C-alpha atoms as a PDB file:
ATOM      1  CA  MET A   1      91.925  91.375 167.472  1.00  0.00           C
ATOM      2  CA  VAL A   2      89.394  89.248 165.298  1.00  0.00           C
ATOM      3  CA  SER A   3      86.162  88.215 166.246  1.00  0.00           C
ATOM      4  CA  ASN A   4      85.582  84.851 167.004  1.00  0.00           C
ATOM      5  CA  GLU A   5      83.488  84.005 163.858  1.00  0.00           C
ATOM      6  CA  THR A   6      86.463  85.523 161.940  1.00  0.00           C
ATOM      7  CA  ARG A   7      89.020  83.433 163.644  1.00  0.00           C
ATOM      8  CA  ALA A   8      86.993  80.266 162.934  1.00  0.00           C
ATOM      9  CA  GLU A   9      86.597  81.366 158.922  1.00  0.00           C
ATOM     10  CA  ILE A  10      90.510  82.256 158.481  1.00  0.00           C
ATOM     11  CA  GLU A  11      91.079  79.043 160.432  1.00  0.00           C
ATOM     12  CA  GLU A  12      89.196  76.888 157.677  1.00  0.00           C
ATOM     13  CA  TYR A  13      90.757  78.755 154.877  1.00  0.00           C
ATOM     14  CA  LEU A  14      94.630  79.659 156.204  1.00  0.00           C
ATOM     15  CA  GLY A  15      94.571  76.696 158.778  1.00  0.00           C
ATOM     16  CA  ARG A  16      95.666  79.128 161.548  1.00  0.00           C
ATOM     17  CA  VAL A  17      95.058  83.014 161.894  1.00  0.00           C
ATOM     18  CA  PRO A  18      98.307  84.388 161.353  1.00  0.00           C
ATOM     19  CA  SER A  19      99.637  86.345 163.941  1.00  0.00           C
ATOM     20  CA  TRP A  20     100.252  89.632 162.204  1.00  0.00           C
ATOM     21  CA  LEU A  21      96.730  90.007 162.159  1.00  0.00           C
ATOM     22  CA  GLU A  22      96.498  89.682 165.788  1.00  0.00           C
ATOM     23  CA  GLU A  23      97.861  93.131 165.099  1.00  0.00           C
ATOM     24  CA  VAL A  24      95.104  95.086 163.358  1.00  0.00           C
ATOM     25  CA  PRO A  25      93.086  97.027 165.530  1.00  0.00           C
ATOM     26  CA  GLU A  26      89.910  95.288 166.323  1.00  0.00           C
ATOM     27  CA  PRO A  27      87.940  98.203 164.870  1.00  0.00           C
ATOM     28  CA  ALA A  28      89.777  96.668 161.666  1.00  0.00           C
ATOM     29  CA  ALA A  29      90.505  93.243 161.836  1.00  0.00           C
ATOM     30  CA  ASP A  30      87.688  92.102 160.694  1.00  0.00           C
ATOM     31  CA  HIS A  31      87.085  94.049 157.843  1.00  0.00           C
ATOM     32  CA  SER A  32      91.060  93.903 156.904  1.00  0.00           C
ATOM     33  CA  TRP A  33      90.336  89.471 156.853  1.00  0.00           C
ATOM     34  CA  GLY A  34      87.281  90.261 154.549  1.00  0.00           C
ATOM     35  CA  ILE A  35      89.741  92.308 152.343  1.00  0.00           C
ATOM     36  CA  VAL A  36      92.201  89.288 151.847  1.00  0.00           C
ATOM     37  CA  ARG A  37      89.030  87.032 152.000  1.00  0.00           C
ATOM     38  CA  ASP A  38      87.373  89.023 149.187  1.00  0.00           C
ATOM     39  CA  LEU A  39      89.847  90.422 147.013  1.00  0.00           C
ATOM     40  CA  GLN A  40      93.148  88.082 147.448  1.00  0.00           C
ATOM     41  CA  LEU A  41      91.527  84.597 147.795  1.00  0.00           C
ATOM     42  CA  GLY A  42      87.950  85.444 146.073  1.00  0.00           C
ATOM     43  CA  GLU A  43      87.034  84.652 142.749  1.00  0.00           C
ATOM     44  CA  THR A  44      87.453  88.131 140.927  1.00  0.00           C
ATOM     45  CA  GLU A  45      88.093  89.445 137.732  1.00  0.00           C
ATOM     46  CA  LEU A  46      91.758  88.400 137.970  1.00  0.00           C
ATOM     47  CA  GLU A  47      93.000  84.995 138.048  1.00  0.00           C
ATOM     48  CA  GLY A  48      94.846  83.655 141.431  1.00  0.00           C
ATOM     49  CA  ARG A  49      97.992  84.014 139.480  1.00  0.00           C
ATOM     50  CA  GLU A  50      97.379  87.122 138.035  1.00  0.00           C
ATOM     51  CA  LYS A  51      96.913  88.652 141.765  1.00  0.00           C
ATOM     52  CA  ALA A  52     100.102  86.678 142.561  1.00  0.00           C
ATOM     53  CA  LEU A  53     102.249  88.545 139.728  1.00  0.00           C
ATOM     54  CA  VAL A  54     100.463  91.976 141.294  1.00  0.00           C
ATOM     55  CA  GLY A  55     101.279  91.349 144.586  1.00  0.00           C
ATOM     56  CA  VAL A  56     105.236  90.497 143.965  1.00  0.00           C
ATOM     57  CA  GLY A  57     105.414  93.481 141.734  1.00  0.00           C
ATOM     58  CA  ALA A  58     103.578  95.756 144.454  1.00  0.00           C
ATOM     59  CA  ALA A  59     105.701  94.149 146.745  1.00  0.00           C
ATOM     60  CA  ALA A  60     108.885  94.344 145.657  1.00  0.00           C
ATOM     61  CA  ALA A  61     108.342  98.086 144.658  1.00  0.00           C
ATOM     62  CA  LEU A  62     107.440  98.662 148.441  1.00  0.00           C
ATOM     63  CA  GLN A  63     110.533  97.243 149.670  1.00  0.00           C
ATOM     64  CA  CYS A  64     108.361  94.986 151.991  1.00  0.00           C
ATOM     65  CA  PRO A  65     110.387  91.779 152.945  1.00  0.00           C
ATOM     66  CA  TYR A  66     106.994  90.812 154.387  1.00  0.00           C
ATOM     67  CA  CYS A  67     104.830  90.837 151.464  1.00  0.00           C
ATOM     68  CA  VAL A  68     107.545  89.923 149.287  1.00  0.00           C
ATOM     69  CA  ARG A  69     107.646  86.742 151.106  1.00  0.00           C
ATOM     70  CA  PHE A  70     104.030  85.636 151.041  1.00  0.00           C
ATOM     71  CA  HIS A  71     103.611  86.744 147.584  1.00  0.00           C
ATOM     72  CA  ARG A  72     106.131  84.912 146.380  1.00  0.00           C
ATOM     73  CA  GLU A  73     104.729  81.634 147.931  1.00  0.00           C
ATOM     74  CA  GLU A  74     101.255  82.291 146.878  1.00  0.00           C
ATOM     75  CA  ALA A  75     103.182  82.766 143.257  1.00  0.00           C
ATOM     76  CA  LYS A  76     104.453  79.359 143.999  1.00  0.00           C
ATOM     77  CA  LEU A  77     100.891  78.138 144.420  1.00  0.00           C
ATOM     78  CA  GLU A  78     100.003  79.321 141.564  1.00  0.00           C
ATOM     79  CA  ASP A  79     102.369  77.810 139.146  1.00  0.00           C
ATOM     80  CA  VAL A  80     104.242  81.015 138.200  1.00  0.00           C
ATOM     81  CA  THR A  81     107.368  80.115 136.520  1.00  0.00           C
ATOM     82  CA  ASP A  82     110.820  81.752 138.077  1.00  0.00           C
ATOM     83  CA  ASP A  83     111.155  84.198 134.683  1.00  0.00           C
ATOM     84  CA  GLU A  84     107.192  85.144 135.033  1.00  0.00           C
ATOM     85  CA  LEU A  85     108.262  86.470 138.782  1.00  0.00           C
ATOM     86  CA  SER A  86     111.531  88.002 137.564  1.00  0.00           C
ATOM     87  CA  GLU A  87     109.576  89.690 134.727  1.00  0.00           C
ATOM     88  CA  ALA A  88     106.486  90.955 137.243  1.00  0.00           C
ATOM     89  CA  ILE A  89     108.910  92.510 139.615  1.00  0.00           C
ATOM     90  CA  GLY A  90     111.148  94.162 136.602  1.00  0.00           C
ATOM     91  CA  VAL A  91     108.092  95.641 135.487  1.00  0.00           C
ATOM     92  CA  ALA A  92     107.574  96.910 138.964  1.00  0.00           C
ATOM     93  CA  SER A  93     110.922  98.483 138.847  1.00  0.00           C
ATOM     94  CA  GLY A  94     110.315 100.286 135.995  1.00  0.00           C
ATOM     95  CA  VAL A  95     106.951 101.613 136.918  1.00  0.00           C
ATOM     96  CA  ARG A  96     108.905 102.577 139.910  1.00  0.00           C
ATOM     97  CA  TYR A  97     111.928 104.293 138.154  1.00  0.00           C
ATOM     98  CA  PHE A  98     109.730 106.292 136.023  1.00  0.00           C
ATOM     99  CA  SER A  99     107.336 107.687 138.529  1.00  0.00           C
ATOM    100  CA  THR A 100     110.757 108.943 140.498  1.00  0.00           C
ATOM    101  CA  VAL A 101     111.801 110.702 137.303  1.00  0.00           C
ATOM    102  CA  LEU A 102     108.266 112.057 136.732  1.00  0.00           C
ATOM    103  CA  HIS A 103     107.678 113.421 140.280  1.00  0.00           C
ATOM    104  CA  GLY A 104     111.566 114.268 140.469  1.00  0.00           C
ATOM    105  CA  ALA A 105     111.110 116.379 137.265  1.00  0.00           C
ATOM    106  CA  GLU A 106     107.860 118.126 137.918  1.00  0.00           C
ATOM    107  CA  ILE A 107     106.302 116.952 134.722  1.00  0.00           C
ATOM    108  CA  ASP A 108     103.113 118.458 133.809  1.00  0.00           C
ATOM    109  CA  ARG A 109     100.434 116.088 134.505  1.00  0.00           C
ATOM    110  CA  GLU A 110      98.493 117.558 131.585  1.00  0.00           C
ATOM    111  CA  ALA A 111     100.645 117.450 129.139  1.00  0.00           C
ATOM    112  CA  PHE A 112     101.473 114.041 130.215  1.00  0.00           C
ATOM    113  CA  VAL A 113      98.155 112.998 129.925  1.00  0.00           C
ATOM    114  CA  SER A 114      97.854 114.264 126.372  1.00  0.00           C
ATOM    115  CA  GLU A 115     101.162 112.852 124.963  1.00  0.00           C
ATOM    116  CA  THR A 116      99.989 109.742 126.599  1.00  0.00           C
ATOM    117  CA  GLU A 117      96.466 109.659 124.650  1.00  0.00           C
ATOM    118  CA  GLU A 118      98.435 110.669 121.255  1.00  0.00           C
ATOM    119  CA  ILE A 119     100.480 107.407 122.163  1.00  0.00           C
ATOM    120  CA  VAL A 120      97.997 105.216 122.811  1.00  0.00           C
ATOM    121  CA  GLU A 121      96.128 106.229 119.778  1.00  0.00           C
ATOM    122  CA  HIS A 122      99.552 106.014 117.665  1.00  0.00           C
ATOM    123  CA  VAL A 123      99.754 102.487 119.186  1.00  0.00           C
ATOM    124  CA  ARG A 124      96.258 101.516 118.553  1.00  0.00           C
ATOM    125  CA  GLU A 125      96.416 102.663 114.528  1.00  0.00           C
ATOM    126  CA  GLN A 126     100.193 100.369 114.531  1.00  0.00           C
ATOM    127  CA  GLN A 127      97.985  97.441 115.823  1.00  0.00           C
ATOM    128  CA  ALA A 128      94.860  98.064 113.315  1.00  0.00           C
ATOM    129  CA  ALA A 129      96.890  98.244 110.413  1.00  0.00           C
ATOM    130  CA  ALA A 130      99.125  95.413 111.644  1.00  0.00           C
ATOM    131  CA  SER A 131      96.102  92.958 111.741  1.00  0.00           C
ATOM    132  CA  GLY A 132      94.669  94.141 108.484  1.00  0.00           C
ATOM    133  CA  ASP A 133      98.366  92.467 107.249  1.00  0.00           C
ATOM    134  CA  ASP A 134      96.909  89.198 107.783  1.00  0.00           C
END
């Protein structure tokens, strides 16, 4: 249960205290709201639409219907298009898919890091060459 001070702040932000927040144990309730307020709703390095797209992708990958619903609605408030939502979900599904492949095959982590560094260097070289063609 959130403190009275936090309850008033949440009601100002959201119009009401979401019922699920009442399920957070008291020692963590105010802090949990602070995470939502400061990271999700606050001004940060990411724009609101970027946060919404990350949220939708993560929620879809986690297969959480509550989070999917919330972040889809959040995305609508940020004027995210249906195509952008679909793409965010597609990217998240790709990450989940390849994570499953990597873990299931027990790919050597050090080899993966090394390969990734080589790939990034190659792509940077390609980008540099392309920008020089202007």
